[in-house]
């Protein structure tokens, strides 16, 4: 590939430098997906434990019987909150691990792609239904046109990222 010309596409896909790295990236993505599912269920449990109905039931029990059940439920709620914090910490560590893998993902033909655009591609390029095109514009710099397809060929998301999104205002 020659040096990029303004408005011309560069490359439509990322190249993992090693097939094993591609598998590792997929495993990280699977891990993050599982963590998101678990986190959503735990947050639902926490909201049910803190719901007004639950608070009213526990208050009525405590007033009627002097029961220690409300304290036990409070400890369970605190335990669920601790697990939620632990999962969130684990997610941030996985994200950090993905982003700290220098040289693992490259975009062929592009030597000076800004870090935030490179991270965007590195996080998503392993997905089978993620497609993108990289262009360079004289005013806005690097432009990433992306599209993610869902089941049945339905577009889940699409858009553009610019290196300098507001540069045209200055010219």
N, C-alpha and C. Protein backbone atom coordinates (compact mmCIF):
# COMPACT_ATOMS: atom_id res chain seq x y z
N UNK A 1 0.83 -1.18 0.00
CA UNK A 1 0.00 0.00 0.00
C UNK A 1 0.87 1.24 0.00
N UNK A 2 0.41 2.19 -0.72
CA UNK A 2 1.14 3.45 -0.78
C UNK A 2 0.63 4.39 0.29
N UNK A 3 1.24 5.57 0.38
CA UNK A 3 0.80 6.53 1.39
C UNK A 3 -0.64 6.93 1.11
N UNK A 4 -1.41 7.16 2.18
CA UNK A 4 -2.83 7.44 2.00
C UNK A 4 -3.08 8.79 1.35
N UNK A 5 -4.07 8.81 0.47
CA UNK A 5 -4.50 10.05 -0.13
C UNK A 5 -5.80 10.47 0.54
N UNK A 6 -6.07 11.75 0.57
CA UNK A 6 -7.27 12.26 1.24
C UNK A 6 -8.52 11.62 0.63
N UNK A 7 -9.39 11.12 1.50
CA UNK A 7 -10.67 10.56 1.08
C UNK A 7 -10.60 9.15 0.55
N UNK A 8 -9.46 8.55 0.48
CA UNK A 8 -9.33 7.20 -0.06
C UNK A 8 -9.31 6.19 1.08
N UNK A 9 -10.04 5.07 0.93
CA UNK A 9 -10.01 4.05 1.97
C UNK A 9 -8.62 3.42 2.09
N UNK A 10 -8.27 3.06 3.30
CA UNK A 10 -6.97 2.45 3.56
C UNK A 10 -7.10 0.93 3.63
N UNK A 11 -7.91 0.47 4.55
CA UNK A 11 -8.01 -0.96 4.80
C UNK A 11 -9.35 -1.22 5.45
N UNK A 12 -9.97 -2.34 5.18
CA UNK A 12 -11.28 -2.60 5.73
C UNK A 12 -11.29 -3.60 6.87
N UNK A 13 -10.13 -4.07 7.29
CA UNK A 13 -10.12 -4.99 8.42
C UNK A 13 -8.79 -4.93 9.14
N UNK A 14 -8.83 -5.38 10.40
CA UNK A 14 -7.62 -5.41 11.21
C UNK A 14 -6.96 -6.76 11.05
N UNK A 15 -5.68 -6.80 11.33
CA UNK A 15 -4.92 -8.03 11.21
C UNK A 15 -4.33 -8.35 12.56
N UNK A 16 -4.73 -9.46 13.13
CA UNK A 16 -4.11 -9.90 14.38
C UNK A 16 -2.75 -10.46 14.02
N UNK A 17 -1.75 -10.09 14.79
CA UNK A 17 -0.39 -10.49 14.45
C UNK A 17 -0.15 -11.98 14.70
N UNK A 18 -1.01 -12.62 15.45
CA UNK A 18 -0.81 -14.01 15.81
C UNK A 18 -2.19 -14.66 16.00
N UNK A 19 -2.43 -15.85 15.41
CA UNK A 19 -3.74 -16.49 15.58
C UNK A 19 -4.06 -16.75 17.05
N UNK A 20 -3.05 -17.05 17.85
CA UNK A 20 -3.29 -17.28 19.27
C UNK A 20 -3.78 -16.00 19.94
N UNK A 21 -3.25 -14.84 19.52
CA UNK A 21 -3.70 -13.56 20.06
C UNK A 21 -5.16 -13.33 19.74
N UNK A 22 -5.59 -13.74 18.56
CA UNK A 22 -6.98 -13.60 18.16
C UNK A 22 -7.88 -14.41 19.11
N UNK A 23 -7.45 -15.63 19.42
CA UNK A 23 -8.21 -16.47 20.34
C UNK A 23 -8.25 -15.86 21.74
N UNK A 24 -7.14 -15.30 22.17
CA UNK A 24 -7.09 -14.67 23.49
C UNK A 24 -8.05 -13.49 23.54
N UNK A 25 -8.08 -12.69 22.48
CA UNK A 25 -9.01 -11.56 22.42
C UNK A 25 -10.45 -12.02 22.49
N UNK A 26 -10.77 -13.12 21.81
CA UNK A 26 -12.12 -13.66 21.86
C UNK A 26 -12.47 -14.15 23.26
N UNK A 27 -11.50 -14.77 23.95
CA UNK A 27 -11.74 -15.24 25.32
C UNK A 27 -12.00 -14.07 26.26
N UNK A 28 -11.22 -12.97 26.08
CA UNK A 28 -11.47 -11.78 26.89
C UNK A 28 -12.88 -11.24 26.64
N UNK A 29 -13.29 -11.22 25.39
CA UNK A 29 -14.63 -10.73 25.05
C UNK A 29 -15.70 -11.61 25.68
N UNK A 30 -15.49 -12.93 25.65
CA UNK A 30 -16.44 -13.84 26.29
C UNK A 30 -16.50 -13.61 27.80
N UNK A 31 -15.34 -13.42 28.40
CA UNK A 31 -15.28 -13.17 29.84
C UNK A 31 -16.05 -11.90 30.19
N UNK A 32 -15.84 -10.84 29.43
CA UNK A 32 -16.55 -9.59 29.68
C UNK A 32 -18.06 -9.78 29.52
N UNK A 33 -18.48 -10.55 28.54
CA UNK A 33 -19.91 -10.82 28.35
C UNK A 33 -20.51 -11.55 29.53
N UNK A 34 -19.81 -12.56 30.02
CA UNK A 34 -20.31 -13.30 31.19
C UNK A 34 -20.36 -12.40 32.42
N UNK A 35 -19.33 -11.59 32.59
CA UNK A 35 -19.31 -10.68 33.74
C UNK A 35 -20.48 -9.70 33.67
N UNK A 36 -20.78 -9.20 32.48
CA UNK A 36 -21.92 -8.27 32.32
C UNK A 36 -23.22 -8.95 32.71
N UNK A 37 -23.42 -10.20 32.29
CA UNK A 37 -24.64 -10.93 32.63
C UNK A 37 -24.76 -11.14 34.14
N UNK A 38 -23.67 -11.56 34.76
CA UNK A 38 -23.67 -11.79 36.20
C UNK A 38 -23.93 -10.48 36.93
N UNK A 39 -23.28 -9.42 36.49
CA UNK A 39 -23.44 -8.12 37.12
C UNK A 39 -24.88 -7.64 37.03
N UNK A 40 -25.52 -7.81 35.89
CA UNK A 40 -26.92 -7.40 35.73
C UNK A 40 -27.83 -8.17 36.68
N UNK A 41 -27.60 -9.47 36.83
CA UNK A 41 -28.43 -10.26 37.75
C UNK A 41 -28.21 -9.84 39.20
N UNK A 42 -26.96 -9.59 39.57
CA UNK A 42 -26.67 -9.16 40.94
C UNK A 42 -27.27 -7.78 41.23
N UNK A 43 -27.23 -6.89 40.26
CA UNK A 43 -27.83 -5.57 40.46
C UNK A 43 -29.34 -5.67 40.62
N UNK A 44 -29.95 -6.61 39.91
CA UNK A 44 -31.39 -6.83 40.07
C UNK A 44 -31.69 -7.37 41.47
N UNK A 45 -30.87 -8.30 41.93
CA UNK A 45 -31.05 -8.84 43.29
C UNK A 45 -30.90 -7.73 44.31
N UNK A 46 -29.88 -6.89 44.15
CA UNK A 46 -29.67 -5.79 45.09
C UNK A 46 -30.87 -4.85 45.10
N UNK A 47 -31.39 -4.53 43.94
CA UNK A 47 -32.55 -3.63 43.89
C UNK A 47 -33.78 -4.27 44.53
N UNK A 48 -33.93 -5.58 44.42
CA UNK A 48 -35.05 -6.26 45.08
C UNK A 48 -34.87 -6.27 46.59
N UNK A 49 -33.64 -6.44 47.05
CA UNK A 49 -33.39 -6.41 48.50
C UNK A 49 -33.63 -5.02 49.08
N UNK A 50 -33.39 -3.98 48.29
CA UNK A 50 -33.57 -2.60 48.76
C UNK A 50 -34.91 -2.01 48.35
N UNK A 51 -35.79 -2.81 47.79
CA UNK A 51 -37.07 -2.28 47.30
C UNK A 51 -37.93 -1.79 48.46
N UNK A 52 -38.81 -0.84 48.19
CA UNK A 52 -39.70 -0.33 49.24
C UNK A 52 -40.57 -1.43 49.88
N UNK A 53 -41.00 -2.39 49.06
CA UNK A 53 -41.81 -3.48 49.60
C UNK A 53 -41.01 -4.31 50.60
N UNK A 54 -39.75 -4.63 50.25
CA UNK A 54 -38.90 -5.40 51.17
C UNK A 54 -38.64 -4.62 52.44
N UNK A 55 -38.37 -3.33 52.32
CA UNK A 55 -38.12 -2.49 53.50
C UNK A 55 -39.34 -2.47 54.41
N UNK A 56 -40.52 -2.37 53.80
CA UNK A 56 -41.76 -2.36 54.59
C UNK A 56 -41.98 -3.69 55.30
N UNK A 57 -41.76 -4.79 54.59
CA UNK A 57 -41.92 -6.12 55.19
C UNK A 57 -40.98 -6.29 56.37
N UNK A 58 -39.72 -5.92 56.19
CA UNK A 58 -38.73 -6.07 57.26
C UNK A 58 -39.06 -5.17 58.45
N UNK A 59 -39.51 -3.96 58.18
CA UNK A 59 -39.89 -3.05 59.26
C UNK A 59 -41.06 -3.61 60.05
N UNK A 60 -42.07 -4.14 59.35
CA UNK A 60 -43.23 -4.72 60.02
C UNK A 60 -42.82 -5.92 60.87
N UNK A 61 -41.94 -6.76 60.36
CA UNK A 61 -41.46 -7.92 61.13
C UNK A 61 -40.72 -7.48 62.39
N UNK A 62 -39.85 -6.48 62.23
CA UNK A 62 -39.08 -6.01 63.37
C UNK A 62 -40.00 -5.42 64.43
N UNK A 63 -40.98 -4.61 64.03
CA UNK A 63 -41.90 -4.00 64.98
C UNK A 63 -42.81 -5.02 65.64
N UNK A 64 -43.28 -6.02 64.88
CA UNK A 64 -44.23 -6.99 65.42
C UNK A 64 -43.56 -8.04 66.30
N UNK A 65 -42.36 -8.46 65.91
CA UNK A 65 -41.76 -9.59 66.63
C UNK A 65 -40.41 -9.28 67.25
N UNK A 66 -39.81 -8.16 66.90
CA UNK A 66 -38.47 -7.87 67.39
C UNK A 66 -37.43 -8.76 66.73
N UNK A 67 -37.77 -9.27 65.57
CA UNK A 67 -36.92 -10.21 64.86
C UNK A 67 -35.60 -9.58 64.44
N UNK A 68 -34.58 -10.43 64.31
CA UNK A 68 -33.27 -9.97 63.82
C UNK A 68 -33.12 -10.21 62.32
N UNK A 69 -34.20 -10.60 61.67
CA UNK A 69 -34.16 -10.85 60.23
C UNK A 69 -33.72 -9.61 59.45
N UNK A 70 -34.18 -8.39 59.81
CA UNK A 70 -33.73 -7.22 59.05
C UNK A 70 -32.21 -7.06 59.04
N UNK A 71 -31.54 -7.36 60.15
CA UNK A 71 -30.08 -7.27 60.18
C UNK A 71 -29.45 -8.33 59.27
N UNK A 72 -30.04 -9.51 59.24
CA UNK A 72 -29.52 -10.57 58.38
C UNK A 72 -29.68 -10.19 56.91
N UNK A 73 -30.82 -9.61 56.56
CA UNK A 73 -31.03 -9.18 55.17
C UNK A 73 -30.07 -8.05 54.82
N UNK A 74 -29.81 -7.15 55.77
CA UNK A 74 -28.85 -6.07 55.54
C UNK A 74 -27.46 -6.65 55.26
N UNK A 75 -27.05 -7.69 56.00
CA UNK A 75 -25.75 -8.32 55.74
C UNK A 75 -25.71 -8.97 54.35
N UNK A 76 -26.83 -9.59 53.95
CA UNK A 76 -26.89 -10.18 52.62
C UNK A 76 -26.76 -9.09 51.56
N UNK A 77 -27.45 -7.97 51.75
CA UNK A 77 -27.37 -6.85 50.81
C UNK A 77 -25.95 -6.33 50.71
N UNK A 78 -25.29 -6.19 51.85
CA UNK A 78 -23.90 -5.72 51.84
C UNK A 78 -22.99 -6.70 51.13
N UNK A 79 -23.25 -8.00 51.31
CA UNK A 79 -22.47 -9.01 50.61
C UNK A 79 -22.66 -8.93 49.10
N UNK A 80 -23.89 -8.74 48.67
CA UNK A 80 -24.17 -8.61 47.23
C UNK A 80 -23.47 -7.37 46.68
N UNK A 81 -23.51 -6.27 47.43
CA UNK A 81 -22.83 -5.05 46.99
C UNK A 81 -21.32 -5.26 46.89
N UNK A 82 -20.75 -6.01 47.80
CA UNK A 82 -19.32 -6.31 47.75
C UNK A 82 -18.98 -7.14 46.51
N UNK A 83 -19.82 -8.12 46.19
CA UNK A 83 -19.59 -8.94 45.00
C UNK A 83 -19.70 -8.07 43.74
N UNK A 84 -20.67 -7.15 43.71
CA UNK A 84 -20.82 -6.25 42.57
C UNK A 84 -19.56 -5.41 42.39
N UNK A 85 -19.03 -4.87 43.48
CA UNK A 85 -17.79 -4.09 43.39
C UNK A 85 -16.64 -4.95 42.89
N UNK A 86 -16.56 -6.19 43.35
CA UNK A 86 -15.48 -7.09 42.92
C UNK A 86 -15.58 -7.38 41.42
N UNK A 87 -16.78 -7.61 40.93
CA UNK A 87 -16.95 -7.87 39.50
C UNK A 87 -16.59 -6.64 38.69
N UNK A 88 -16.99 -5.46 39.16
CA UNK A 88 -16.64 -4.24 38.45
C UNK A 88 -15.13 -4.03 38.42
N UNK A 89 -14.47 -4.35 39.51
CA UNK A 89 -13.01 -4.25 39.55
C UNK A 89 -12.39 -5.24 38.56
N UNK A 90 -12.92 -6.45 38.53
CA UNK A 90 -12.43 -7.45 37.60
C UNK A 90 -12.63 -7.00 36.15
N UNK A 91 -13.78 -6.41 35.85
CA UNK A 91 -14.02 -5.90 34.50
C UNK A 91 -13.01 -4.83 34.12
N UNK A 92 -12.72 -3.94 35.05
CA UNK A 92 -11.75 -2.89 34.74
C UNK A 92 -10.37 -3.48 34.51
N UNK A 93 -10.02 -4.54 35.24
CA UNK A 93 -8.73 -5.19 35.03
C UNK A 93 -8.67 -5.87 33.66
N UNK A 94 -9.79 -6.47 33.24
CA UNK A 94 -9.83 -7.11 31.92
C UNK A 94 -9.71 -6.05 30.83
N UNK A 95 -10.43 -4.93 30.98
CA UNK A 95 -10.32 -3.84 30.00
C UNK A 95 -8.88 -3.33 29.94
N UNK A 96 -8.27 -3.17 31.10
CA UNK A 96 -6.88 -2.68 31.15
C UNK A 96 -5.96 -3.67 30.45
N UNK A 97 -6.16 -4.94 30.70
CA UNK A 97 -5.34 -5.98 30.06
C UNK A 97 -5.49 -5.93 28.54
N UNK A 98 -6.71 -5.73 28.07
CA UNK A 98 -6.94 -5.64 26.63
C UNK A 98 -6.23 -4.43 26.04
N UNK A 99 -6.32 -3.31 26.72
CA UNK A 99 -5.74 -2.07 26.19
C UNK A 99 -4.23 -2.03 26.35
N UNK A 100 -3.68 -2.79 27.29
CA UNK A 100 -2.24 -2.78 27.54
C UNK A 100 -1.50 -3.83 26.72
N UNK A 101 -2.11 -4.37 25.72
CA UNK A 101 -1.47 -5.40 24.90
C UNK A 101 -0.87 -4.72 23.67
N UNK A 102 0.28 -4.07 23.82
CA UNK A 102 0.86 -3.33 22.70
C UNK A 102 1.29 -4.25 21.56
N UNK A 103 1.03 -3.77 20.38
CA UNK A 103 1.48 -4.51 19.21
C UNK A 103 0.68 -5.75 18.90
N UNK A 104 -0.37 -6.00 19.65
CA UNK A 104 -1.13 -7.23 19.41
C UNK A 104 -2.11 -7.04 18.25
N UNK A 105 -2.56 -5.83 18.04
CA UNK A 105 -3.50 -5.55 16.97
C UNK A 105 -2.94 -4.40 16.14
N UNK A 106 -2.86 -4.61 14.86
CA UNK A 106 -2.38 -3.54 14.00
C UNK A 106 -3.37 -3.35 12.87
N UNK A 107 -3.37 -2.19 12.29
CA UNK A 107 -4.15 -1.92 11.10
C UNK A 107 -3.14 -1.74 9.99
N UNK A 108 -3.16 -2.65 9.06
CA UNK A 108 -2.14 -2.67 8.01
C UNK A 108 -2.21 -1.40 7.18
N UNK A 109 -1.05 -0.80 6.93
CA UNK A 109 -0.97 0.38 6.10
C UNK A 109 -1.12 1.68 6.86
N UNK A 110 -1.37 1.62 8.15
CA UNK A 110 -1.54 2.83 8.94
C UNK A 110 -0.50 2.82 10.05
N UNK A 111 0.39 3.78 10.00
CA UNK A 111 1.47 3.80 10.98
C UNK A 111 1.23 4.79 12.10
N UNK A 112 0.36 5.77 11.90
CA UNK A 112 0.21 6.81 12.90
C UNK A 112 -1.25 7.05 13.30
N UNK A 113 -2.03 6.00 13.39
CA UNK A 113 -3.42 6.12 13.83
C UNK A 113 -3.44 6.55 15.29
N UNK A 114 -4.21 7.59 15.64
CA UNK A 114 -4.25 8.05 17.04
C UNK A 114 -4.68 6.93 17.99
N UNK A 115 -4.21 7.00 19.21
CA UNK A 115 -4.43 5.93 20.19
C UNK A 115 -5.91 5.64 20.41
N UNK A 116 -6.75 6.68 20.54
CA UNK A 116 -8.16 6.43 20.82
C UNK A 116 -8.86 5.72 19.65
N UNK A 117 -8.46 6.02 18.43
CA UNK A 117 -9.04 5.32 17.29
C UNK A 117 -8.51 3.89 17.20
N UNK A 118 -7.22 3.72 17.50
CA UNK A 118 -6.64 2.38 17.52
C UNK A 118 -7.27 1.49 18.57
N UNK A 119 -7.55 2.05 19.75
CA UNK A 119 -8.21 1.29 20.82
C UNK A 119 -9.61 0.87 20.39
N UNK A 120 -10.34 1.80 19.77
CA UNK A 120 -11.69 1.49 19.30
C UNK A 120 -11.65 0.28 18.38
N UNK A 121 -10.73 0.29 17.42
CA UNK A 121 -10.62 -0.83 16.49
C UNK A 121 -10.15 -2.10 17.19
N UNK A 122 -9.17 -1.99 18.07
CA UNK A 122 -8.62 -3.17 18.74
C UNK A 122 -9.67 -3.86 19.60
N UNK A 123 -10.55 -3.08 20.22
CA UNK A 123 -11.58 -3.66 21.08
C UNK A 123 -12.64 -4.40 20.28
N UNK A 124 -12.88 -3.98 19.04
CA UNK A 124 -14.01 -4.51 18.29
C UNK A 124 -13.65 -5.35 17.07
N UNK A 125 -12.45 -5.22 16.57
CA UNK A 125 -12.10 -5.85 15.30
C UNK A 125 -12.17 -7.37 15.34
N UNK A 126 -12.08 -7.96 16.51
CA UNK A 126 -12.14 -9.42 16.62
C UNK A 126 -13.57 -9.94 16.45
N UNK A 127 -14.57 -9.09 16.63
CA UNK A 127 -15.96 -9.53 16.50
C UNK A 127 -16.24 -9.91 15.05
N UNK A 128 -16.90 -11.03 14.83
CA UNK A 128 -17.09 -11.50 13.45
C UNK A 128 -17.99 -10.59 12.61
N UNK A 129 -18.91 -9.88 13.21
CA UNK A 129 -19.84 -9.06 12.45
C UNK A 129 -19.52 -7.58 12.52
N UNK A 130 -18.27 -7.24 12.86
CA UNK A 130 -17.85 -5.84 12.91
C UNK A 130 -17.07 -5.52 11.64
N UNK A 131 -17.48 -4.48 10.93
CA UNK A 131 -16.84 -4.08 9.69
C UNK A 131 -16.48 -2.60 9.79
N UNK A 132 -15.36 -2.24 9.20
CA UNK A 132 -14.98 -0.84 9.21
C UNK A 132 -14.12 -0.50 8.01
N UNK A 133 -14.01 0.80 7.79
CA UNK A 133 -13.17 1.33 6.73
C UNK A 133 -12.46 2.55 7.30
N UNK A 134 -11.20 2.69 7.04
CA UNK A 134 -10.41 3.82 7.53
C UNK A 134 -10.07 4.71 6.36
N UNK A 135 -10.30 6.02 6.54
CA UNK A 135 -9.95 7.01 5.52
C UNK A 135 -9.15 8.12 6.17
N UNK A 136 -8.50 8.90 5.34
CA UNK A 136 -7.83 10.08 5.85
C UNK A 136 -8.37 11.28 5.07
N UNK A 137 -8.69 12.34 5.81
CA UNK A 137 -9.23 13.55 5.23
C UNK A 137 -8.26 14.69 5.50
N UNK A 138 -8.12 15.61 4.56
CA UNK A 138 -7.17 16.71 4.74
C UNK A 138 -7.49 17.56 5.95
N UNK A 139 -8.75 17.72 6.28
CA UNK A 139 -9.15 18.60 7.37
C UNK A 139 -9.37 17.82 8.67
N UNK A 140 -10.16 16.78 8.61
CA UNK A 140 -10.53 16.04 9.83
C UNK A 140 -9.55 14.96 10.24
N UNK A 141 -8.58 14.65 9.44
CA UNK A 141 -7.61 13.61 9.77
C UNK A 141 -8.19 12.23 9.53
N UNK A 142 -7.82 11.28 10.39
CA UNK A 142 -8.27 9.90 10.24
C UNK A 142 -9.77 9.81 10.51
N UNK A 143 -10.45 9.02 9.69
CA UNK A 143 -11.90 8.80 9.85
C UNK A 143 -12.13 7.30 9.84
N UNK A 144 -12.87 6.81 10.82
CA UNK A 144 -13.24 5.39 10.85
C UNK A 144 -14.75 5.31 10.63
N UNK A 145 -15.14 4.63 9.55
CA UNK A 145 -16.55 4.33 9.27
C UNK A 145 -16.75 2.90 9.76
N UNK A 146 -17.70 2.67 10.66
CA UNK A 146 -17.87 1.33 11.21
C UNK A 146 -19.34 0.91 11.16
N UNK A 147 -19.53 -0.41 11.18
CA UNK A 147 -20.87 -0.99 11.22
C UNK A 147 -20.77 -2.34 11.92
N UNK A 148 -21.72 -2.60 12.80
CA UNK A 148 -21.79 -3.90 13.47
C UNK A 148 -23.12 -4.54 13.14
N UNK A 149 -23.06 -5.76 12.65
CA UNK A 149 -24.25 -6.47 12.24
C UNK A 149 -24.72 -7.40 13.36
N UNK A 150 -26.02 -7.54 13.47
CA UNK A 150 -26.61 -8.43 14.45
C UNK A 150 -27.12 -9.68 13.79
N UNK A 151 -27.89 -10.48 14.53
CA UNK A 151 -28.46 -11.71 13.97
C UNK A 151 -29.35 -11.40 12.78
N UNK A 152 -29.28 -12.23 11.78
CA UNK A 152 -30.11 -12.08 10.60
C UNK A 152 -29.71 -10.92 9.70
N UNK A 153 -28.50 -10.41 9.86
CA UNK A 153 -28.04 -9.34 9.00
C UNK A 153 -28.59 -7.97 9.36
N UNK A 154 -29.17 -7.82 10.54
CA UNK A 154 -29.70 -6.54 10.97
C UNK A 154 -28.56 -5.68 11.51
N UNK A 155 -28.54 -4.42 11.16
CA UNK A 155 -27.50 -3.52 11.63
C UNK A 155 -27.75 -3.19 13.10
N UNK A 156 -26.80 -3.55 13.96
CA UNK A 156 -26.90 -3.25 15.40
C UNK A 156 -26.44 -1.84 15.71
N UNK A 157 -25.43 -1.38 15.00
CA UNK A 157 -24.90 -0.05 15.22
C UNK A 157 -24.00 0.34 14.07
N UNK A 158 -23.87 1.65 13.87
CA UNK A 158 -23.02 2.15 12.80
C UNK A 158 -22.66 3.59 13.12
N UNK A 159 -21.58 4.05 12.55
CA UNK A 159 -21.21 5.44 12.77
C UNK A 159 -19.85 5.77 12.22
N UNK A 160 -19.37 6.95 12.60
CA UNK A 160 -18.05 7.43 12.19
C UNK A 160 -17.35 8.03 13.39
N UNK A 161 -16.03 7.87 13.41
CA UNK A 161 -15.19 8.55 14.38
C UNK A 161 -14.16 9.35 13.61
N UNK A 162 -13.93 10.56 14.08
CA UNK A 162 -12.98 11.46 13.43
C UNK A 162 -11.82 11.74 14.37
N UNK A 163 -10.65 11.88 13.81
CA UNK A 163 -9.49 12.29 14.60
C UNK A 163 -9.69 13.72 15.12
N UNK A 164 -10.17 14.60 14.26
CA UNK A 164 -10.44 15.99 14.63
C UNK A 164 -11.86 16.33 14.19
N UNK A 165 -12.88 16.00 14.98
CA UNK A 165 -14.26 16.14 14.53
C UNK A 165 -14.70 17.57 14.25
N UNK A 166 -14.13 18.55 14.93
CA UNK A 166 -14.58 19.93 14.75
C UNK A 166 -13.60 20.78 13.95
N UNK A 167 -12.65 20.15 13.30
CA UNK A 167 -11.63 20.89 12.56
C UNK A 167 -12.23 21.70 11.42
N UNK A 168 -13.30 21.24 10.84
CA UNK A 168 -13.91 21.96 9.73
C UNK A 168 -14.44 23.32 10.17
N UNK A 169 -14.76 23.49 11.45
CA UNK A 169 -15.24 24.77 11.95
C UNK A 169 -14.16 25.84 11.91
N UNK A 170 -12.93 25.40 12.08
CA UNK A 170 -11.80 26.32 12.12
C UNK A 170 -11.37 26.74 10.72
N UNK A 171 -11.68 25.95 9.70
CA UNK A 171 -11.20 26.28 8.36
C UNK A 171 -12.17 27.17 7.61
